[in-house]
C-alpha atoms as a PDB file:
ATOM      1  CA  MET A   1       2.781   0.241  15.015  1.00  0.00           C
ATOM      2  CA  ILE A   2       5.705   1.629  13.084  1.00  0.00           C
ATOM      3  CA  CYS A   3       7.513   0.504   9.964  1.00  0.00           C
ATOM      4  CA  ARG A   4      11.183   0.976   9.165  1.00  0.00           C
ATOM      5  CA  TYR A   5      11.805   1.146   5.438  1.00  0.00           C
ATOM      6  CA  ALA A   6      15.112   0.559   3.710  1.00  0.00           C
ATOM      7  CA  PHE A   7      15.020   2.031   0.204  1.00  0.00           C
ATOM      8  CA  PHE A   8      17.681   0.593  -2.076  1.00  0.00           C
ATOM      9  CA  VAL A   9      18.049   3.493  -4.499  1.00  0.00           C
ATOM     10  CA  GLY A  10      19.989   3.016  -7.712  1.00  0.00           C
ATOM     11  CA  THR A  11      20.352   0.964 -10.839  1.00  0.00           C
ATOM     12  CA  VAL A  12      20.664  -2.813 -10.882  1.00  0.00           C
ATOM     13  CA  ARG A  13      23.805  -3.810 -12.720  1.00  0.00           C
ATOM     14  CA  GLU A  14      23.243  -5.041 -16.278  1.00  0.00           C
ATOM     15  CA  GLY A  15      21.921  -8.599 -16.379  1.00  0.00           C
ATOM     16  CA  MET A  16      21.849  -8.946 -12.583  1.00  0.00           C
ATOM     17  CA  ASP A  17      18.158  -8.374 -11.814  1.00  0.00           C
ATOM     18  CA  GLU A  18      17.206 -12.041 -11.384  1.00  0.00           C
ATOM     19  CA  ALA A  19      20.414 -12.840  -9.496  1.00  0.00           C
ATOM     20  CA  MET A  20      19.773  -9.871  -7.183  1.00  0.00           C
ATOM     21  CA  ARG A  21      16.244 -11.055  -6.442  1.00  0.00           C
ATOM     22  CA  ASP A  22      17.477 -14.593  -5.757  1.00  0.00           C
ATOM     23  CA  TYR A  23      20.217 -13.299  -3.438  1.00  0.00           C
ATOM     24  CA  VAL A  24      17.743 -11.145  -1.523  1.00  0.00           C
ATOM     25  CA  MET A  25      15.253 -13.987  -1.083  1.00  0.00           C
ATOM     26  CA  GLU A  26      17.790 -16.719  -0.299  1.00  0.00           C
ATOM     27  CA  THR A  27      20.460 -14.824   1.660  1.00  0.00           C
ATOM     28  CA  MET A  28      19.148 -11.521   2.996  1.00  0.00           C
ATOM     29  CA  LEU A  29      15.516 -12.376   3.779  1.00  0.00           C
ATOM     30  CA  PRO A  30      16.324 -15.197   6.234  1.00  0.00           C
ATOM     31  CA  LEU A  31      18.440 -12.714   8.223  1.00  0.00           C
ATOM     32  CA  TRP A  32      15.824  -9.957   8.081  1.00  0.00           C
ATOM     33  CA  ARG A  33      13.188 -12.409   9.338  1.00  0.00           C
ATOM     34  CA  ARG A  34      15.322 -13.058  12.433  1.00  0.00           C
ATOM     35  CA  PHE A  35      15.389  -9.403  13.581  1.00  0.00           C
ATOM     36  CA  ASP A  36      14.286  -9.377  17.228  1.00  0.00           C
ATOM     37  CA  GLY A  37      10.897  -7.728  17.699  1.00  0.00           C
ATOM     38  CA  ALA A  38       9.851  -7.740  14.043  1.00  0.00           C
ATOM     39  CA  GLU A  39       6.094  -8.143  13.558  1.00  0.00           C
ATOM     40  CA  GLN A  40       6.100  -8.317   9.751  1.00  0.00           C
ATOM     41  CA  VAL A  41       8.843  -8.399   7.124  1.00  0.00           C
ATOM     42  CA  ARG A  42       8.024  -7.349   3.564  1.00  0.00           C
ATOM     43  CA  VAL A  43      10.332  -7.349   0.560  1.00  0.00           C
ATOM     44  CA  LEU A  44       9.193  -5.259  -2.392  1.00  0.00           C
ATOM     45  CA  PHE A  45      10.802  -5.390  -5.822  1.00  0.00           C
ATOM     46  CA  GLY A  46      10.316  -2.434  -8.156  1.00  0.00           C
ATOM     47  CA  VAL A  47       7.988  -2.988 -11.103  1.00  0.00           C
ATOM     48  CA  GLU A  48       7.538   0.503 -12.524  1.00  0.00           C
ATOM     49  CA  GLN A  49       8.112   4.075 -11.407  1.00  0.00           C
ATOM     50  CA  ASP A  50       7.584   7.681 -12.365  1.00  0.00           C
ATOM     51  CA  PRO A  51       9.790   8.521 -15.341  1.00  0.00           C
ATOM     52  CA  ASP A  52      11.483  11.367 -13.463  1.00  0.00           C
ATOM     53  CA  GLY A  53      11.877   9.461 -10.165  1.00  0.00           C
ATOM     54  CA  ASP A  54      14.992   7.849  -8.759  1.00  0.00           C
ATOM     55  CA  PRO A  55      15.120   4.119  -9.490  1.00  0.00           C
ATOM     56  CA  ILE A  56      14.219   2.032  -6.437  1.00  0.00           C
ATOM     57  CA  PRO A  57      14.566  -1.645  -7.340  1.00  0.00           C
ATOM     58  CA  LEU A  58      14.186  -2.921  -3.770  1.00  0.00           C
ATOM     59  CA  VAL A  59      12.456  -1.889  -0.564  1.00  0.00           C
ATOM     60  CA  LEU A  60      12.661  -3.678   2.769  1.00  0.00           C
ATOM     61  CA  ALA A  61       9.776  -2.878   5.128  1.00  0.00           C
ATOM     62  CA  ILE A  62       9.847  -4.246   8.669  1.00  0.00           C
ATOM     63  CA  SER A  63       6.979  -3.467  11.040  1.00  0.00           C
ATOM     64  CA  TYR A  64       7.371  -3.216  14.807  1.00  0.00           C
ATOM     65  CA  GLN A  65       4.968  -2.744  17.691  1.00  0.00           C
ATOM     66  CA  ASP A  66       6.822   0.378  18.836  1.00  0.00           C
ATOM     67  CA  GLU A  67      10.154   2.183  18.848  1.00  0.00           C
ATOM     68  CA  ALA A  68      11.496   0.021  21.693  1.00  0.00           C
ATOM     69  CA  ALA A  69      10.904  -3.126  19.616  1.00  0.00           C
ATOM     70  CA  MET A  70      12.580  -1.498  16.617  1.00  0.00           C
ATOM     71  CA  ASN A  71      15.593  -0.501  18.693  1.00  0.00           C
ATOM     72  CA  LYS A  72      15.871  -4.083  19.941  1.00  0.00           C
ATOM     73  CA  ALA A  73      15.897  -5.265  16.315  1.00  0.00           C
ATOM     74  CA  LEU A  74      18.591  -2.766  15.394  1.00  0.00           C
ATOM     75  CA  GLU A  75      20.808  -4.361  18.045  1.00  0.00           C
ATOM     76  CA  SER A  76      20.030  -7.969  17.138  1.00  0.00           C
ATOM     77  CA  PRO A  77      22.832 -10.233  15.855  1.00  0.00           C
ATOM     78  CA  ALA A  78      20.914 -10.939  12.628  1.00  0.00           C
ATOM     79  CA  ARG A  79      20.853  -7.235  11.821  1.00  0.00           C
ATOM     80  CA  TYR A  80      24.636  -7.034  12.141  1.00  0.00           C
ATOM     81  CA  GLU A  81      25.013 -10.121   9.941  1.00  0.00           C
ATOM     82  CA  ALA A  82      22.788  -8.552   7.286  1.00  0.00           C
ATOM     83  CA  LYS A  83      24.574  -5.210   7.529  1.00  0.00           C
ATOM     84  CA  GLU A  84      27.942  -6.908   6.924  1.00  0.00           C
ATOM     85  CA  LEU A  85      26.617  -8.256   3.614  1.00  0.00           C
ATOM     86  CA  LEU A  86      25.577  -4.857   2.254  1.00  0.00           C
ATOM     87  CA  PRO A  87      28.921  -3.694   0.792  1.00  0.00           C
ATOM     88  CA  GLY A  88      29.171  -6.912  -1.227  1.00  0.00           C
ATOM     89  CA  PHE A  89      25.516  -6.620  -2.222  1.00  0.00           C
ATOM     90  CA  PHE A  90      26.043  -3.141  -3.649  1.00  0.00           C
ATOM     91  CA  GLU A  91      29.311  -4.124  -5.321  1.00  0.00           C
ATOM     92  CA  ARG A  92      27.738  -7.113  -7.022  1.00  0.00           C
ATOM     93  CA  PHE A  93      24.184  -6.008  -7.790  1.00  0.00           C
ATOM     94  CA  LEU A  94      23.429  -2.334  -7.364  1.00  0.00           C
ATOM     95  CA  ASP A  95      25.011   0.966  -8.293  1.00  0.00           C
ATOM     96  CA  GLY A  96      23.376   3.106  -5.641  1.00  0.00           C
ATOM     97  CA  HIS A  97      22.826   3.747  -1.962  1.00  0.00           C
ATOM     98  CA  LEU A  98      20.527   2.973   0.954  1.00  0.00           C
ATOM     99  CA  LEU A  99      18.049   5.287   2.684  1.00  0.00           C
ATOM    100  CA  HIS A 100      16.095   4.502   5.865  1.00  0.00           C
ATOM    101  CA  TYR A 101      12.768   5.991   6.966  1.00  0.00           C
ATOM    102  CA  VAL A 102      10.596   5.177   9.978  1.00  0.00           C
ATOM    103  CA  MET A 103       6.856   5.731   9.528  1.00  0.00           C
ATOM    104  CA  GLU A 104       3.842   5.383  11.782  1.00  0.00           C
ATOM    105  CA  ILE A 105       1.384   2.812  10.408  1.00  0.00           C
ATOM    106  CA  ASN A 106      -2.304   3.641   9.980  1.00  0.00           C
ATOM    107  CA  SER A 107      -4.185   0.805   8.251  1.00  0.00           C
ATOM    108  CA  PHE A 108      -7.725   0.909   6.884  1.00  0.00           C
ATOM    109  CA  GLU A 109      -9.994  -1.506   5.073  1.00  0.00           C
ATOM    110  CA  PRO A 110     -11.223  -0.352   1.650  1.00  0.00           C
ATOM    111  CA  ASP A 111     -14.632   1.344   1.603  1.00  0.00           C
ATOM    112  CA  ARG A 112     -16.663  -0.919  -0.655  1.00  0.00           C
ATOM    113  CA  SER A 113     -19.959   0.944  -0.242  1.00  0.00           C
END
C-alpha cells in the first residue's frame, strides 16, 4: 500500500478557518472520494504544530493498493475537477502552497504488553 499526501502549507486567511473546513468537507471531499482506485481518503485539519515549523492547516491523505492504482486516480475526472478548484481555494482561504509526497505504508498494532 502507498499513500499520496497533499500538504496545504500556509496560513489560513483571518476569520476563514471554519469556512475553509466547511468548504473542504462539502466541496472538495466528495471529489476526492471519487478518485478511481482510492482505498482510503483521510482529511486532516491542523490542531497544533512545532513553534518553528511551517503552518500546515490541512493534509489530504489518499491510500492506494499500488502505484498503478494511484496513477489511475491521478487521471480520473474527479481529480481534474478538484484540481480546477485549487486556485480559488487558495485565493479565498489560504495564503500558501501545496506539496505532494508519496509514502509506502507500514501499519502496526500497538504493543500493549
